[in-house]
Amino acid sequence: MSEKRAGMQDIAHHTVRGRADTVTVTSWVGTSGLSFDVTDDATGLCLTVQSLDNEPAPSDIESLVDDLADKVDAGMLDRYFDGAGDLLAGVVGSR
């Protein structure tokens, strides 16, 4: 059985490497656990391939961007980001 989302809320805004990002928290029905995701404001691209268990600080967001860039360079995210190549290039190109 999959968990049902109880709600989502933008909880933080950061500027990392000159790009604005939003941190969103998701709560779930029947559990106290939370999920955190980071979205690049300019492109709408979700930078968290897998939701985080804790609210990310700006240094954590920098690590997310570095990890995405490494995966793109290695050809690991082509299908996941199908059609978002130009958007992703703008996000990871700032490292």
C-alpha atoms as a PDB file:
ATOM      1  CA  MET A   1       0.000   0.000   0.000  1.00  0.00           C
ATOM      2  CA  SER A   2       1.434   3.405  -0.925  1.00  0.00           C
ATOM      3  CA  GLU A   3       1.406   6.277   1.528  1.00  0.00           C
ATOM      4  CA  LYS A   4      -0.970   9.168   0.912  1.00  0.00           C
ATOM      5  CA  ARG A   5       0.228  12.737   0.952  1.00  0.00           C
ATOM      6  CA  ALA A   6      -1.385  14.873   3.647  1.00  0.00           C
ATOM      7  CA  GLY A   7       0.054  18.184   2.504  1.00  0.00           C
ATOM      8  CA  MET A   8       2.890  20.128   0.924  1.00  0.00           C
ATOM      9  CA  GLN A   9       4.316  23.504   1.910  1.00  0.00           C
ATOM     10  CA  ASP A  10       7.194  25.669   0.701  1.00  0.00           C
ATOM     11  CA  ILE A  11       9.269  26.248   3.813  1.00  0.00           C
ATOM     12  CA  ALA A  12      12.517  27.884   2.690  1.00  0.00           C
ATOM     13  CA  HIS A  13      14.043  29.841  -0.151  1.00  0.00           C
ATOM     14  CA  HIS A  14      17.806  29.845  -0.758  1.00  0.00           C
ATOM     15  CA  THR A  15      20.125  31.284  -3.362  1.00  0.00           C
ATOM     16  CA  VAL A  16      22.877  28.811  -4.192  1.00  0.00           C
ATOM     17  CA  ARG A  17      25.518  29.702  -6.777  1.00  0.00           C
ATOM     18  CA  GLY A  18      23.381  32.577  -7.982  1.00  0.00           C
ATOM     19  CA  ARG A  19      20.250  30.463  -8.512  1.00  0.00           C
ATOM     20  CA  ALA A  20      17.066  30.671  -6.444  1.00  0.00           C
ATOM     21  CA  ASP A  21      15.812  27.399  -4.982  1.00  0.00           C
ATOM     22  CA  THR A  22      12.730  26.464  -2.960  1.00  0.00           C
ATOM     23  CA  VAL A  23      12.587  23.768  -0.277  1.00  0.00           C
ATOM     24  CA  THR A  24       9.212  22.017  -0.001  1.00  0.00           C
ATOM     25  CA  VAL A  25       8.155  19.720   2.827  1.00  0.00           C
ATOM     26  CA  THR A  26       5.620  16.935   2.324  1.00  0.00           C
ATOM     27  CA  SER A  27       3.696  15.365   5.208  1.00  0.00           C
ATOM     28  CA  TRP A  28       2.082  11.942   4.963  1.00  0.00           C
ATOM     29  CA  VAL A  29      -1.160  10.467   6.299  1.00  0.00           C
ATOM     30  CA  GLY A  30      -0.625   8.070   9.187  1.00  0.00           C
ATOM     31  CA  THR A  31       3.059   8.817   9.802  1.00  0.00           C
ATOM     32  CA  SER A  32       5.098  11.527  11.463  1.00  0.00           C
ATOM     33  CA  GLY A  33       7.805  11.272   8.780  1.00  0.00           C
ATOM     34  CA  LEU A  34       8.417  14.205   6.455  1.00  0.00           C
ATOM     35  CA  SER A  35       9.948  14.412   2.995  1.00  0.00           C
ATOM     36  CA  PHE A  36      11.926  17.402   1.720  1.00  0.00           C
ATOM     37  CA  ASP A  37      12.479  18.341  -1.919  1.00  0.00           C
ATOM     38  CA  VAL A  38      14.415  21.148  -3.594  1.00  0.00           C
ATOM     39  CA  THR A  39      13.224  22.856  -6.781  1.00  0.00           C
ATOM     40  CA  ASP A  40      15.175  25.249  -8.994  1.00  0.00           C
ATOM     41  CA  ASP A  41      12.892  28.305  -9.235  1.00  0.00           C
ATOM     42  CA  ALA A  42      13.930  29.391 -12.741  1.00  0.00           C
ATOM     43  CA  THR A  43      13.388  26.022 -14.413  1.00  0.00           C
ATOM     44  CA  GLY A  44      10.946  24.234 -12.098  1.00  0.00           C
ATOM     45  CA  LEU A  45      13.342  21.277 -12.107  1.00  0.00           C
ATOM     46  CA  CYS A  46      13.241  19.144  -8.951  1.00  0.00           C
ATOM     47  CA  LEU A  47      16.863  18.738  -7.808  1.00  0.00           C
ATOM     48  CA  THR A  48      16.114  15.893  -5.418  1.00  0.00           C
ATOM     49  CA  VAL A  49      16.072  12.621  -7.335  1.00  0.00           C
ATOM     50  CA  GLN A  50      14.992  11.017  -4.051  1.00  0.00           C
ATOM     51  CA  SER A  51      13.316  13.071  -1.312  1.00  0.00           C
ATOM     52  CA  LEU A  52      15.429  13.975   1.714  1.00  0.00           C
ATOM     53  CA  ASP A  53      14.624  13.032   5.312  1.00  0.00           C
ATOM     54  CA  ASN A  54      15.836  16.351   6.744  1.00  0.00           C
ATOM     55  CA  GLU A  55      15.535  19.973   5.684  1.00  0.00           C
ATOM     56  CA  PRO A  56      18.550  20.798   3.505  1.00  0.00           C
ATOM     57  CA  ALA A  57      20.831  23.738   4.232  1.00  0.00           C
ATOM     58  CA  PRO A  58      22.377  25.734   1.361  1.00  0.00           C
ATOM     59  CA  SER A  59      25.516  23.572   1.566  1.00  0.00           C
ATOM     60  CA  ASP A  60      23.323  20.468   1.105  1.00  0.00           C
ATOM     61  CA  ILE A  61      21.742  22.043  -1.976  1.00  0.00           C
ATOM     62  CA  GLU A  62      25.222  22.675  -3.420  1.00  0.00           C
ATOM     63  CA  SER A  63      25.941  18.981  -2.910  1.00  0.00           C
ATOM     64  CA  LEU A  64      22.699  18.069  -4.725  1.00  0.00           C
ATOM     65  CA  VAL A  65      23.730  20.193  -7.715  1.00  0.00           C
ATOM     66  CA  ASP A  66      27.213  18.621  -7.741  1.00  0.00           C
ATOM     67  CA  ASP A  67      25.727  15.120  -7.561  1.00  0.00           C
ATOM     68  CA  LEU A  68      23.323  15.851 -10.428  1.00  0.00           C
ATOM     69  CA  ALA A  69      26.142  17.273 -12.535  1.00  0.00           C
ATOM     70  CA  ASP A  70      28.287  14.186 -11.907  1.00  0.00           C
ATOM     71  CA  LYS A  71      25.401  11.895 -12.872  1.00  0.00           C
ATOM     72  CA  VAL A  72      24.686  13.868 -16.038  1.00  0.00           C
ATOM     73  CA  ASP A  73      28.397  13.801 -16.964  1.00  0.00           C
ATOM     74  CA  ALA A  74      28.379  10.022 -16.443  1.00  0.00           C
ATOM     75  CA  GLY A  75      25.252   9.648 -18.620  1.00  0.00           C
ATOM     76  CA  MET A  76      23.238   8.259 -15.703  1.00  0.00           C
ATOM     77  CA  LEU A  77      20.240  10.631 -15.839  1.00  0.00           C
ATOM     78  CA  ASP A  78      19.429  10.865 -19.543  1.00  0.00           C
ATOM     79  CA  ARG A  79      16.122   9.001 -19.293  1.00  0.00           C
ATOM     80  CA  TYR A  80      15.158  10.520 -15.931  1.00  0.00           C
ATOM     81  CA  PHE A  81      15.547  14.045 -17.304  1.00  0.00           C
ATOM     82  CA  ASP A  82      14.309  13.262 -20.819  1.00  0.00           C
ATOM     83  CA  GLY A  83      13.422  16.522 -22.504  1.00  0.00           C
ATOM     84  CA  ALA A  84      14.886  18.651 -19.722  1.00  0.00           C
ATOM     85  CA  GLY A  85      18.460  18.788 -21.016  1.00  0.00           C
ATOM     86  CA  ASP A  86      18.564  22.550 -21.554  1.00  0.00           C
ATOM     87  CA  LEU A  87      16.921  23.206 -18.207  1.00  0.00           C
ATOM     88  CA  LEU A  88      19.297  20.887 -16.398  1.00  0.00           C
ATOM     89  CA  ALA A  89      22.325  22.384 -18.154  1.00  0.00           C
ATOM     90  CA  GLY A  90      21.382  25.754 -16.677  1.00  0.00           C
ATOM     91  CA  VAL A  91      21.136  24.299 -13.196  1.00  0.00           C
ATOM     92  CA  VAL A  92      24.306  22.206 -13.119  1.00  0.00           C
ATOM     93  CA  GLY A  93      26.309  24.482 -15.389  1.00  0.00           C
ATOM     94  CA  SER A  94      26.794  26.918 -12.521  1.00  0.00           C
ATOM     95  CA  ARG A  95      29.148  24.692 -10.590  1.00  0.00           C
END
